[in-house]
Amino acid sequence: MIKIKHIFLLILLQGFSSSFYSQSGLKSEYVYGISNEIFEGVNVRDAKASLELWAKVFVENYEEVKSAKIIIFKDTDEIIKSINNKEVDLLMLPSSLYVMEEEKLNIEPLIISKNSDDLYFSLLLCSTSNLNIEKFADLKNKTILVQGGKFKRISELWLDLLCLQVGEKDKYSFFKKIEFVDKPMQAVLPVFFNKWDACIVTNVSLDAITEMNPQIQNSLKILFQREKLLNEMICVRKDLDNKSKEIIRNRGLDYKSLPNGEQIFKIFKTLGSSVYKPTNLEGVRSLWSNYKKLKFSDKN
């Protein structure tokens, strides 16, 4: 595991630590975990500057705090092991990871993050308008670029489902070539210039790209889409005391009142946060359920 002070979690820490540690009966040592899957396009210099600022504020104002470790997890197995060994109190991870491993994780969601004005996003499978595609099977032996980064897990899950729905177990056998790219522009432009046949991107990414270049909107057509999806979420251990959960939830939602809070959220392409409701995961749960039914059915 790589230990590092992550800025988003430092915001939460700075926001609630004064009341968190000054009251008796609450933990004086906390460990905050974050999945490395949620990182995308972070400017290292900006992140470093913000990190130094928040670390300085924390040290100067909360000297009574004994320990507040931040851990970045490299893989899912590390997360499961650390959570179930009670080595981590709070965890930030993709919603798809949470849903897929829910039975193995002793955590509960508290806060969800927003990557646009809308709480949810959609995944879009697009091609050029001149490509004669009427159904997914028509993409057989075609090339496809997929937006990766923090959307890689959920994008790949949807692509796997689309292949299973036409009776194909292995997406790499169905497509001539598949490539995951870090930036959405790297997925869209090659399709626009007819270098690749299709791409998968989020609706938020495509809207931003077409706003800069309206010609792309006229040249691309949306073949398939998956709606009401959610990305990052913040969870806590189920056995964490209720007072800690309440403070984490309240301070996590009140980020705008923190100094430079909005600026730091923008660095990580997060526009805000909202209290978690069970209905928030309906889209992701449906995607995972659809996938499991086909993947593990006798017919496949």
C-alpha atoms as a PDB file:
ATOM      1  CA  MET A   1       0.000   0.000   0.000  1.00  0.00           C
ATOM      2  CA  ILE A   2       1.203   3.495  -0.806  1.00  0.00           C
ATOM      3  CA  LYS A   3       0.734   5.978   2.038  1.00  0.00           C
ATOM      4  CA  ILE A   4       0.053   9.565   1.024  1.00  0.00           C
ATOM      5  CA  LYS A   5      -2.025  12.513   2.205  1.00  0.00           C
ATOM      6  CA  HIS A   6      -4.763  12.796  -0.423  1.00  0.00           C
ATOM      7  CA  ILE A   7      -6.263  16.238  -0.850  1.00  0.00           C
ATOM      8  CA  PHE A   8      -9.928  15.319  -1.075  1.00  0.00           C
ATOM      9  CA  LEU A   9      -9.777  13.383   2.167  1.00  0.00           C
ATOM     10  CA  LEU A  10      -7.711  16.107   3.802  1.00  0.00           C
ATOM     11  CA  ILE A  11     -10.607  18.460   3.110  1.00  0.00           C
ATOM     12  CA  LEU A  12     -12.886  16.158   5.052  1.00  0.00           C
ATOM     13  CA  LEU A  13     -10.276  15.764   7.748  1.00  0.00           C
ATOM     14  CA  GLN A  14      -9.672  19.496   8.107  1.00  0.00           C
ATOM     15  CA  GLY A  15     -13.384  20.138   8.015  1.00  0.00           C
ATOM     16  CA  PHE A  16     -14.409  17.921  10.884  1.00  0.00           C
ATOM     17  CA  SER A  17     -11.264  17.263  12.913  1.00  0.00           C
ATOM     18  CA  SER A  18     -11.672  20.192  15.319  1.00  0.00           C
ATOM     19  CA  SER A  19     -14.927  18.793  16.670  1.00  0.00           C
ATOM     20  CA  PHE A  20     -13.962  15.209  15.874  1.00  0.00           C
ATOM     21  CA  TYR A  21     -11.054  15.001  18.276  1.00  0.00           C
ATOM     22  CA  SER A  22     -12.013  17.583  20.876  1.00  0.00           C
ATOM     23  CA  GLN A  23     -14.939  15.568  22.192  1.00  0.00           C
ATOM     24  CA  SER A  24     -14.444  12.649  24.572  1.00  0.00           C
ATOM     25  CA  GLY A  25     -15.473   9.199  23.466  1.00  0.00           C
ATOM     26  CA  LEU A  26     -14.358   9.643  19.860  1.00  0.00           C
ATOM     27  CA  LYS A  27     -11.373   8.006  18.203  1.00  0.00           C
ATOM     28  CA  SER A  28      -8.125   9.942  18.270  1.00  0.00           C
ATOM     29  CA  GLU A  29      -6.533   7.967  15.460  1.00  0.00           C
ATOM     30  CA  TYR A  30      -8.089   7.598  12.007  1.00  0.00           C
ATOM     31  CA  VAL A  31      -7.023   5.944   8.772  1.00  0.00           C
ATOM     32  CA  TYR A  32      -8.475   7.153   5.480  1.00  0.00           C
ATOM     33  CA  GLY A  33      -8.262   4.989   2.377  1.00  0.00           C
ATOM     34  CA  ILE A  34      -8.714   5.800  -1.280  1.00  0.00           C
ATOM     35  CA  SER A  35      -8.804   3.515  -4.300  1.00  0.00           C
ATOM     36  CA  ASN A  36      -6.269   4.468  -6.950  1.00  0.00           C
ATOM     37  CA  GLU A  37      -9.029   3.871  -9.520  1.00  0.00           C
ATOM     38  CA  ILE A  38     -10.574   7.291  -8.909  1.00  0.00           C
ATOM     39  CA  PHE A  39      -7.533   9.311 -10.018  1.00  0.00           C
ATOM     40  CA  GLU A  40      -7.800  10.972 -13.415  1.00  0.00           C
ATOM     41  CA  GLY A  41      -5.844  13.775 -15.053  1.00  0.00           C
ATOM     42  CA  VAL A  42      -4.548  15.286 -11.802  1.00  0.00           C
ATOM     43  CA  ASN A  43      -2.089  18.124 -12.320  1.00  0.00           C
ATOM     44  CA  VAL A  44       0.828  17.074 -10.152  1.00  0.00           C
ATOM     45  CA  ARG A  45       2.037  20.603  -9.381  1.00  0.00           C
ATOM     46  CA  ASP A  46      -1.427  21.844  -8.415  1.00  0.00           C
ATOM     47  CA  ALA A  47      -2.034  18.765  -6.310  1.00  0.00           C
ATOM     48  CA  LYS A  48       1.338  19.121  -4.594  1.00  0.00           C
ATOM     49  CA  ALA A  49       0.733  22.795  -3.786  1.00  0.00           C
ATOM     50  CA  SER A  50      -2.715  22.069  -2.362  1.00  0.00           C
ATOM     51  CA  LEU A  51      -1.354  19.118  -0.426  1.00  0.00           C
ATOM     52  CA  GLU A  52       1.323  21.254   1.209  1.00  0.00           C
ATOM     53  CA  LEU A  53      -1.232  23.929   2.074  1.00  0.00           C
ATOM     54  CA  TRP A  54      -3.674  21.572   3.746  1.00  0.00           C
ATOM     55  CA  ALA A  55      -0.941  19.624   5.518  1.00  0.00           C
ATOM     56  CA  LYS A  56       0.377  22.886   6.969  1.00  0.00           C
ATOM     57  CA  VAL A  57      -3.088  23.972   8.103  1.00  0.00           C
ATOM     58  CA  PHE A  58      -3.684  20.609   9.702  1.00  0.00           C
ATOM     59  CA  VAL A  59      -0.393  20.589  11.640  1.00  0.00           C
ATOM     60  CA  GLU A  60      -0.764  24.174  12.841  1.00  0.00           C
ATOM     61  CA  ASN A  61      -4.363  23.930  14.002  1.00  0.00           C
ATOM     62  CA  TYR A  62      -4.856  20.379  15.197  1.00  0.00           C
ATOM     63  CA  GLU A  63      -1.746  19.416  17.123  1.00  0.00           C
ATOM     64  CA  GLU A  64      -3.820  17.318  19.535  1.00  0.00           C
ATOM     65  CA  VAL A  65      -4.570  14.784  16.798  1.00  0.00           C
ATOM     66  CA  LYS A  66      -2.420  11.750  17.435  1.00  0.00           C
ATOM     67  CA  SER A  67      -2.645  10.157  14.016  1.00  0.00           C
ATOM     68  CA  ALA A  68      -4.447  10.641  10.709  1.00  0.00           C
ATOM     69  CA  LYS A  69      -3.057   8.387   8.012  1.00  0.00           C
ATOM     70  CA  ILE A  70      -4.068   8.448   4.362  1.00  0.00           C
ATOM     71  CA  ILE A  71      -3.591   5.272   2.308  1.00  0.00           C
ATOM     72  CA  ILE A  72      -3.910   4.805  -1.437  1.00  0.00           C
ATOM     73  CA  PHE A  73      -4.825   1.251  -2.370  1.00  0.00           C
ATOM     74  CA  LYS A  74      -3.372  -0.295  -5.502  1.00  0.00           C
ATOM     75  CA  ASP A  75      -5.946  -3.064  -5.910  1.00  0.00           C
ATOM     76  CA  THR A  76      -9.249  -4.451  -4.664  1.00  0.00           C
ATOM     77  CA  ASP A  77      -7.725  -7.240  -2.577  1.00  0.00           C
ATOM     78  CA  GLU A  78      -5.824  -4.668  -0.504  1.00  0.00           C
ATOM     79  CA  ILE A  79      -9.043  -2.755   0.128  1.00  0.00           C
ATOM     80  CA  ILE A  80     -10.998  -5.826   1.219  1.00  0.00           C
ATOM     81  CA  LYS A  81      -8.224  -7.016   3.519  1.00  0.00           C
ATOM     82  CA  SER A  82      -7.669  -3.632   5.180  1.00  0.00           C
ATOM     83  CA  ILE A  83     -11.370  -2.900   5.681  1.00  0.00           C
ATOM     84  CA  ASN A  84     -12.155  -6.286   7.152  1.00  0.00           C
ATOM     85  CA  ASN A  85      -9.090  -6.116   9.407  1.00  0.00           C
ATOM     86  CA  LYS A  86     -10.371  -2.726  10.637  1.00  0.00           C
ATOM     87  CA  GLU A  87      -7.238  -0.989   9.406  1.00  0.00           C
ATOM     88  CA  VAL A  88      -9.226   1.721   7.589  1.00  0.00           C
ATOM     89  CA  ASP A  89     -12.082   3.863   8.919  1.00  0.00           C
ATOM     90  CA  LEU A  90     -13.154   5.805   5.828  1.00  0.00           C
ATOM     91  CA  LEU A  91     -12.829   4.813   2.179  1.00  0.00           C
ATOM     92  CA  MET A  92     -13.286   6.606  -1.145  1.00  0.00           C
ATOM     93  CA  LEU A  93     -13.880   4.264  -4.099  1.00  0.00           C
ATOM     94  CA  PRO A  94     -15.811   3.865  -7.365  1.00  0.00           C
ATOM     95  CA  SER A  95     -19.457   2.910  -6.914  1.00  0.00           C
ATOM     96  CA  SER A  96     -18.989   0.002  -9.317  1.00  0.00           C
ATOM     97  CA  LEU A  97     -16.229  -1.431  -7.121  1.00  0.00           C
ATOM     98  CA  TYR A  98     -18.470  -1.106  -4.075  1.00  0.00           C
ATOM     99  CA  VAL A  99     -21.409  -2.863  -5.764  1.00  0.00           C
ATOM    100  CA  MET A 100     -19.250  -5.638  -7.216  1.00  0.00           C
ATOM    101  CA  GLU A 101     -17.524  -6.386  -3.899  1.00  0.00           C
ATOM    102  CA  GLU A 102     -20.287  -5.377  -1.484  1.00  0.00           C
ATOM    103  CA  GLU A 103     -20.616  -8.795   0.143  1.00  0.00           C
ATOM    104  CA  LYS A 104     -16.908  -8.816   0.991  1.00  0.00           C
ATOM    105  CA  LEU A 105     -16.713  -5.266   2.359  1.00  0.00           C
ATOM    106  CA  ASN A 106     -17.805  -4.300   5.855  1.00  0.00           C
ATOM    107  CA  ILE A 107     -18.601  -0.711   4.842  1.00  0.00           C
ATOM    108  CA  GLU A 108     -21.640   1.495   4.264  1.00  0.00           C
ATOM    109  CA  PRO A 109     -21.984   4.490   1.899  1.00  0.00           C
ATOM    110  CA  LEU A 110     -22.307   7.991   3.371  1.00  0.00           C
ATOM    111  CA  ILE A 111     -21.527  10.501   0.614  1.00  0.00           C
ATOM    112  CA  ILE A 112     -21.543  10.481  -3.181  1.00  0.00           C
ATOM    113  CA  SER A 113     -19.592  12.903  -5.358  1.00  0.00           C
ATOM    114  CA  LYS A 114     -20.809  14.824  -8.404  1.00  0.00           C
ATOM    115  CA  ASN A 115     -18.840  15.153 -11.631  1.00  0.00           C
ATOM    116  CA  SER A 116     -21.391  17.438 -13.321  1.00  0.00           C
ATOM    117  CA  ASP A 117     -24.458  19.502 -12.488  1.00  0.00           C
ATOM    118  CA  ASP A 118     -26.417  16.269 -12.665  1.00  0.00           C
ATOM    119  CA  LEU A 119     -25.904  13.702  -9.935  1.00  0.00           C
ATOM    120  CA  TYR A 120     -25.654  10.886 -12.466  1.00  0.00           C
ATOM    121  CA  PHE A 121     -23.852  10.318 -15.752  1.00  0.00           C
ATOM    122  CA  SER A 122     -24.421   8.097 -18.780  1.00  0.00           C
ATOM    123  CA  LEU A 123     -22.050   5.950 -20.794  1.00  0.00           C
ATOM    124  CA  LEU A 124     -22.306   6.385 -24.556  1.00  0.00           C
ATOM    125  CA  LEU A 125     -21.125   4.108 -27.346  1.00  0.00           C
ATOM    126  CA  CYS A 126     -20.590   6.267 -30.421  1.00  0.00           C
ATOM    127  CA  SER A 127     -19.448   5.867 -33.998  1.00  0.00           C
ATOM    128  CA  THR A 128     -19.221   8.093 -37.043  1.00  0.00           C
ATOM    129  CA  SER A 129     -22.458   8.791 -38.863  1.00  0.00           C
ATOM    130  CA  ASN A 130     -21.172   7.178 -42.058  1.00  0.00           C
ATOM    131  CA  LEU A 131     -20.569   3.814 -40.375  1.00  0.00           C
ATOM    132  CA  ASN A 132     -23.516   1.513 -41.074  1.00  0.00           C
ATOM    133  CA  ILE A 133     -24.238   0.218 -37.573  1.00  0.00           C
ATOM    134  CA  GLU A 134     -27.803  -0.702 -36.627  1.00  0.00           C
ATOM    135  CA  LYS A 135     -27.193  -3.202 -33.835  1.00  0.00           C
ATOM    136  CA  PHE A 136     -24.305  -4.127 -31.560  1.00  0.00           C
ATOM    137  CA  ALA A 137     -23.530  -7.270 -33.554  1.00  0.00           C
ATOM    138  CA  ASP A 138     -22.604  -5.000 -36.476  1.00  0.00           C
ATOM    139  CA  LEU A 139     -19.529  -3.935 -34.491  1.00  0.00           C
ATOM    140  CA  LYS A 140     -18.005  -7.402 -34.918  1.00  0.00           C
ATOM    141  CA  ASN A 141     -14.334  -7.105 -35.945  1.00  0.00           C
ATOM    142  CA  LYS A 142     -14.445  -3.309 -35.534  1.00  0.00           C
ATOM    143  CA  THR A 143     -12.054  -1.197 -33.458  1.00  0.00           C
ATOM    144  CA  ILE A 144     -13.140   0.628 -30.307  1.00  0.00           C
ATOM    145  CA  LEU A 145     -11.575   3.147 -27.920  1.00  0.00           C
ATOM    146  CA  VAL A 146     -12.813   3.254 -24.323  1.00  0.00           C
ATOM    147  CA  GLN A 147     -12.567   6.134 -21.859  1.00  0.00           C
ATOM    148  CA  GLY A 148     -10.560   4.825 -18.951  1.00  0.00           C
ATOM    149  CA  GLY A 149      -9.200   6.728 -15.979  1.00  0.00           C
ATOM    150  CA  LYS A 150     -11.649   6.679 -13.119  1.00  0.00           C
ATOM    151  CA  PHE A 151     -14.346   5.389 -15.489  1.00  0.00           C
ATOM    152  CA  LYS A 152     -12.391   2.327 -16.641  1.00  0.00           C
ATOM    153  CA  ARG A 153     -14.039  -0.222 -14.361  1.00  0.00           C
ATOM    154  CA  ILE A 154     -17.625   0.755 -15.146  1.00  0.00           C
ATOM    155  CA  SER A 155     -16.930   1.325 -18.864  1.00  0.00           C
ATOM    156  CA  GLU A 156     -15.375  -2.113 -19.178  1.00  0.00           C
ATOM    157  CA  LEU A 157     -18.245  -3.711 -17.272  1.00  0.00           C
ATOM    158  CA  TRP A 158     -20.763  -2.211 -19.694  1.00  0.00           C
ATOM    159  CA  LEU A 159     -18.714  -3.271 -22.722  1.00  0.00           C
ATOM    160  CA  ASP A 160     -18.552  -6.821 -21.355  1.00  0.00           C
ATOM    161  CA  LEU A 161     -22.327  -6.809 -20.897  1.00  0.00           C
ATOM    162  CA  LEU A 162     -22.935  -5.605 -24.448  1.00  0.00           C
ATOM    163  CA  CYS A 163     -20.800  -8.460 -25.750  1.00  0.00           C
ATOM    164  CA  LEU A 164     -22.569 -11.025 -23.572  1.00  0.00           C
ATOM    165  CA  GLN A 165     -25.919  -9.824 -24.875  1.00  0.00           C
ATOM    166  CA  VAL A 166     -24.921 -10.964 -28.371  1.00  0.00           C
ATOM    167  CA  GLY A 167     -23.514 -14.248 -27.077  1.00  0.00           C
ATOM    168  CA  GLU A 168     -19.845 -13.244 -26.999  1.00  0.00           C
ATOM    169  CA  LYS A 169     -17.969 -14.113 -23.803  1.00  0.00           C
ATOM    170  CA  ASP A 170     -14.683 -12.462 -24.758  1.00  0.00           C
ATOM    171  CA  LYS A 171     -14.785  -8.851 -25.930  1.00  0.00           C
ATOM    172  CA  TYR A 172     -11.266  -9.164 -27.326  1.00  0.00           C
ATOM    173  CA  SER A 173     -12.466 -11.918 -29.654  1.00  0.00           C
ATOM    174  CA  PHE A 174     -15.487  -9.862 -30.721  1.00  0.00           C
ATOM    175  CA  PHE A 175     -13.619  -6.643 -31.526  1.00  0.00           C
ATOM    176  CA  LYS A 176     -10.650  -6.396 -33.831  1.00  0.00           C
ATOM    177  CA  LYS A 177      -8.966  -4.063 -31.347  1.00  0.00           C
ATOM    178  CA  ILE A 178      -9.832  -2.515 -27.976  1.00  0.00           C
ATOM    179  CA  GLU A 179      -7.838   0.220 -26.301  1.00  0.00           C
ATOM    180  CA  PHE A 180      -8.475   2.020 -23.008  1.00  0.00           C
ATOM    181  CA  VAL A 181      -7.332   5.644 -22.963  1.00  0.00           C
ATOM    182  CA  ASP A 182      -6.889   8.047 -20.056  1.00  0.00           C
ATOM    183  CA  LYS A 183      -8.513  11.114 -21.605  1.00  0.00           C
ATOM    184  CA  PRO A 184     -11.915  11.252 -23.338  1.00  0.00           C
ATOM    185  CA  MET A 185     -10.473  13.361 -26.161  1.00  0.00           C
ATOM    186  CA  GLN A 186      -8.180  10.428 -26.963  1.00  0.00           C
ATOM    187  CA  ALA A 187     -11.272   8.270 -27.450  1.00  0.00           C
ATOM    188  CA  VAL A 188     -13.397  10.710 -29.461  1.00  0.00           C
ATOM    189  CA  LEU A 189     -10.987  12.345 -31.918  1.00  0.00           C
ATOM    190  CA  PRO A 190      -9.691   9.156 -33.590  1.00  0.00           C
ATOM    191  CA  VAL A 191     -13.307   8.159 -34.291  1.00  0.00           C
ATOM    192  CA  PHE A 192     -14.095  11.638 -35.573  1.00  0.00           C
ATOM    193  CA  PHE A 193     -11.147  11.388 -37.993  1.00  0.00           C
ATOM    194  CA  ASN A 194     -12.175   7.855 -39.046  1.00  0.00           C
ATOM    195  CA  LYS A 195      -9.035   6.274 -37.583  1.00  0.00           C
ATOM    196  CA  TRP A 196     -11.125   4.079 -35.260  1.00  0.00           C
ATOM    197  CA  ASP A 197     -14.655   2.745 -35.662  1.00  0.00           C
ATOM    198  CA  ALA A 198     -16.260   3.433 -32.277  1.00  0.00           C
ATOM    199  CA  CYS A 199     -15.696   4.782 -28.785  1.00  0.00           C
ATOM    200  CA  ILE A 200     -17.194   4.673 -25.301  1.00  0.00           C
ATOM    201  CA  VAL A 201     -17.219   7.925 -23.312  1.00  0.00           C
ATOM    202  CA  THR A 202     -19.368   9.556 -20.655  1.00  0.00           C
ATOM    203  CA  ASN A 203     -22.062  12.016 -21.689  1.00  0.00           C
ATOM    204  CA  VAL A 204     -20.333  14.675 -19.589  1.00  0.00           C
ATOM    205  CA  SER A 205     -17.077  14.197 -21.496  1.00  0.00           C
ATOM    206  CA  LEU A 206     -18.760  14.190 -24.901  1.00  0.00           C
ATOM    207  CA  ASP A 207     -20.736  17.342 -24.080  1.00  0.00           C
ATOM    208  CA  ALA A 208     -17.528  19.133 -23.101  1.00  0.00           C
ATOM    209  CA  ILE A 209     -15.744  18.016 -26.269  1.00  0.00           C
ATOM    210  CA  THR A 210     -18.579  18.933 -28.644  1.00  0.00           C
ATOM    211  CA  GLU A 211     -18.914  22.323 -26.978  1.00  0.00           C
ATOM    212  CA  MET A 212     -15.336  23.051 -28.023  1.00  0.00           C
ATOM    213  CA  ASN A 213     -15.825  21.535 -31.479  1.00  0.00           C
ATOM    214  CA  PRO A 214     -19.462  21.469 -32.696  1.00  0.00           C
ATOM    215  CA  GLN A 215     -18.423  19.564 -35.833  1.00  0.00           C
ATOM    216  CA  ILE A 216     -17.877  16.483 -33.695  1.00  0.00           C
ATOM    217  CA  GLN A 217     -21.510  16.491 -32.631  1.00  0.00           C
ATOM    218  CA  ASN A 218     -22.615  16.490 -36.261  1.00  0.00           C
ATOM    219  CA  SER A 219     -20.231  13.693 -37.223  1.00  0.00           C
ATOM    220  CA  LEU A 220     -20.789  11.272 -34.347  1.00  0.00           C
ATOM    221  CA  LYS A 221     -23.908   9.281 -33.611  1.00  0.00           C
ATOM    222  CA  ILE A 222     -24.832   7.628 -30.325  1.00  0.00           C
ATOM    223  CA  LEU A 223     -25.505   3.931 -30.897  1.00  0.00           C
ATOM    224  CA  PHE A 224     -26.117   2.765 -27.338  1.00  0.00           C
ATOM    225  CA  GLN A 225     -26.215   4.337 -23.899  1.00  0.00           C
ATOM    226  CA  ARG A 226     -26.400   3.293 -20.261  1.00  0.00           C
ATOM    227  CA  GLU A 227     -28.004   5.837 -17.945  1.00  0.00           C
ATOM    228  CA  LYS A 228     -28.206   6.804 -14.266  1.00  0.00           C
ATOM    229  CA  LEU A 229     -24.701   5.771 -13.317  1.00  0.00           C
ATOM    230  CA  LEU A 230     -22.706   7.001 -10.343  1.00  0.00           C
ATOM    231  CA  ASN A 231     -18.966   7.154  -9.841  1.00  0.00           C
ATOM    232  CA  GLU A 232     -17.079   8.034  -6.650  1.00  0.00           C
ATOM    233  CA  MET A 233     -18.524   7.500  -3.204  1.00  0.00           C
ATOM    234  CA  ILE A 234     -17.303   7.757   0.369  1.00  0.00           C
ATOM    235  CA  CYS A 235     -17.980   4.868   2.721  1.00  0.00           C
ATOM    236  CA  VAL A 236     -17.200   4.162   6.365  1.00  0.00           C
ATOM    237  CA  ARG A 237     -16.818   0.973   8.327  1.00  0.00           C
ATOM    238  CA  LYS A 238     -20.183  -0.276   9.536  1.00  0.00           C
ATOM    239  CA  ASP A 239     -18.929  -0.605  13.105  1.00  0.00           C
ATOM    240  CA  LEU A 240     -17.640   2.989  13.284  1.00  0.00           C
ATOM    241  CA  ASP A 241     -19.419   4.920  16.033  1.00  0.00           C
ATOM    242  CA  ASN A 242     -22.526   6.864  15.000  1.00  0.00           C
ATOM    243  CA  LYS A 243     -21.140  10.229  16.111  1.00  0.00           C
ATOM    244  CA  SER A 244     -18.137   9.826  13.835  1.00  0.00           C
ATOM    245  CA  LYS A 245     -20.402   8.874  10.929  1.00  0.00           C
ATOM    246  CA  GLU A 246     -22.594  11.915  11.492  1.00  0.00           C
ATOM    247  CA  ILE A 247     -19.663  14.332  11.615  1.00  0.00           C
ATOM    248  CA  ILE A 248     -18.064  12.838   8.504  1.00  0.00           C
ATOM    249  CA  ARG A 249     -21.358  13.070   6.630  1.00  0.00           C
ATOM    250  CA  ASN A 250     -22.138  16.644   7.677  1.00  0.00           C
ATOM    251  CA  ARG A 251     -18.652  18.059   7.078  1.00  0.00           C
ATOM    252  CA  GLY A 252     -18.260  16.207   3.817  1.00  0.00           C
ATOM    253  CA  LEU A 253     -21.402  17.888   2.498  1.00  0.00           C
ATOM    254  CA  ASP A 254     -20.382  21.331   3.749  1.00  0.00           C
ATOM    255  CA  TYR A 255     -17.212  21.573   1.640  1.00  0.00           C
ATOM    256  CA  LYS A 256     -18.091  25.036   0.254  1.00  0.00           C
ATOM    257  CA  SER A 257     -17.582  26.584   3.678  1.00  0.00           C
ATOM    258  CA  LEU A 258     -13.989  25.362   3.817  1.00  0.00           C
ATOM    259  CA  PRO A 259     -11.149  27.662   2.664  1.00  0.00           C
ATOM    260  CA  ASN A 260     -10.394  26.983  -1.024  1.00  0.00           C
ATOM    261  CA  GLY A 261     -12.679  23.958  -0.849  1.00  0.00           C
ATOM    262  CA  GLU A 262     -14.236  24.452  -4.269  1.00  0.00           C
ATOM    263  CA  GLN A 263     -10.849  25.020  -5.896  1.00  0.00           C
ATOM    264  CA  ILE A 264      -9.495  21.753  -4.569  1.00  0.00           C
ATOM    265  CA  PHE A 265     -12.608  19.852  -5.626  1.00  0.00           C
ATOM    266  CA  LYS A 266     -12.112  21.176  -9.167  1.00  0.00           C
ATOM    267  CA  ILE A 267      -8.567  19.854  -9.273  1.00  0.00           C
ATOM    268  CA  PHE A 268     -10.024  16.371  -8.921  1.00  0.00           C
ATOM    269  CA  LYS A 269     -12.911  17.078 -11.321  1.00  0.00           C
ATOM    270  CA  THR A 270     -15.454  16.839  -8.535  1.00  0.00           C
ATOM    271  CA  LEU A 271     -18.112  19.540  -8.474  1.00  0.00           C
ATOM    272  CA  GLY A 272     -19.695  18.709  -5.164  1.00  0.00           C
ATOM    273  CA  SER A 273     -21.155  16.048  -2.933  1.00  0.00           C
ATOM    274  CA  SER A 274     -24.523  14.753  -1.813  1.00  0.00           C
ATOM    275  CA  VAL A 275     -25.827  12.564   0.980  1.00  0.00           C
ATOM    276  CA  TYR A 276     -26.124   8.945  -0.088  1.00  0.00           C
ATOM    277  CA  LYS A 277     -29.543   7.384  -0.685  1.00  0.00           C
ATOM    278  CA  PRO A 278     -30.054   3.693  -1.555  1.00  0.00           C
ATOM    279  CA  THR A 279     -31.759   4.693  -4.814  1.00  0.00           C
ATOM    280  CA  ASN A 280     -28.512   6.348  -5.958  1.00  0.00           C
ATOM    281  CA  LEU A 281     -27.041   2.951  -6.790  1.00  0.00           C
ATOM    282  CA  GLU A 282     -29.986   1.575  -8.763  1.00  0.00           C
ATOM    283  CA  GLY A 283     -28.308   2.169 -12.125  1.00  0.00           C
ATOM    284  CA  VAL A 284     -24.995   0.596 -11.118  1.00  0.00           C
ATOM    285  CA  ARG A 285     -26.705  -2.320  -9.376  1.00  0.00           C
ATOM    286  CA  SER A 286     -28.811  -2.961 -12.475  1.00  0.00           C
ATOM    287  CA  LEU A 287     -25.701  -2.975 -14.677  1.00  0.00           C
ATOM    288  CA  TRP A 288     -23.907  -5.433 -12.393  1.00  0.00           C
ATOM    289  CA  SER A 289     -27.002  -7.639 -12.063  1.00  0.00           C
ATOM    290  CA  ASN A 290     -27.510  -7.775 -15.839  1.00  0.00           C
ATOM    291  CA  TYR A 291     -23.873  -8.715 -16.295  1.00  0.00           C
ATOM    292  CA  LYS A 292     -23.910 -11.493 -13.680  1.00  0.00           C
ATOM    293  CA  LYS A 293     -27.057 -13.088 -15.081  1.00  0.00           C
ATOM    294  CA  LEU A 294     -25.468 -13.504 -18.498  1.00  0.00           C
ATOM    295  CA  LYS A 295     -21.894 -14.147 -17.399  1.00  0.00           C
ATOM    296  CA  PHE A 296     -22.746 -16.957 -15.018  1.00  0.00           C
ATOM    297  CA  SER A 297     -25.804 -18.443 -16.723  1.00  0.00           C
ATOM    298  CA  ASP A 298     -25.743 -22.013 -18.035  1.00  0.00           C
ATOM    299  CA  LYS A 299     -26.259 -20.701 -21.558  1.00  0.00           C
ATOM    300  CA  ASN A 300     -22.897 -18.981 -21.504  1.00  0.00           C
END
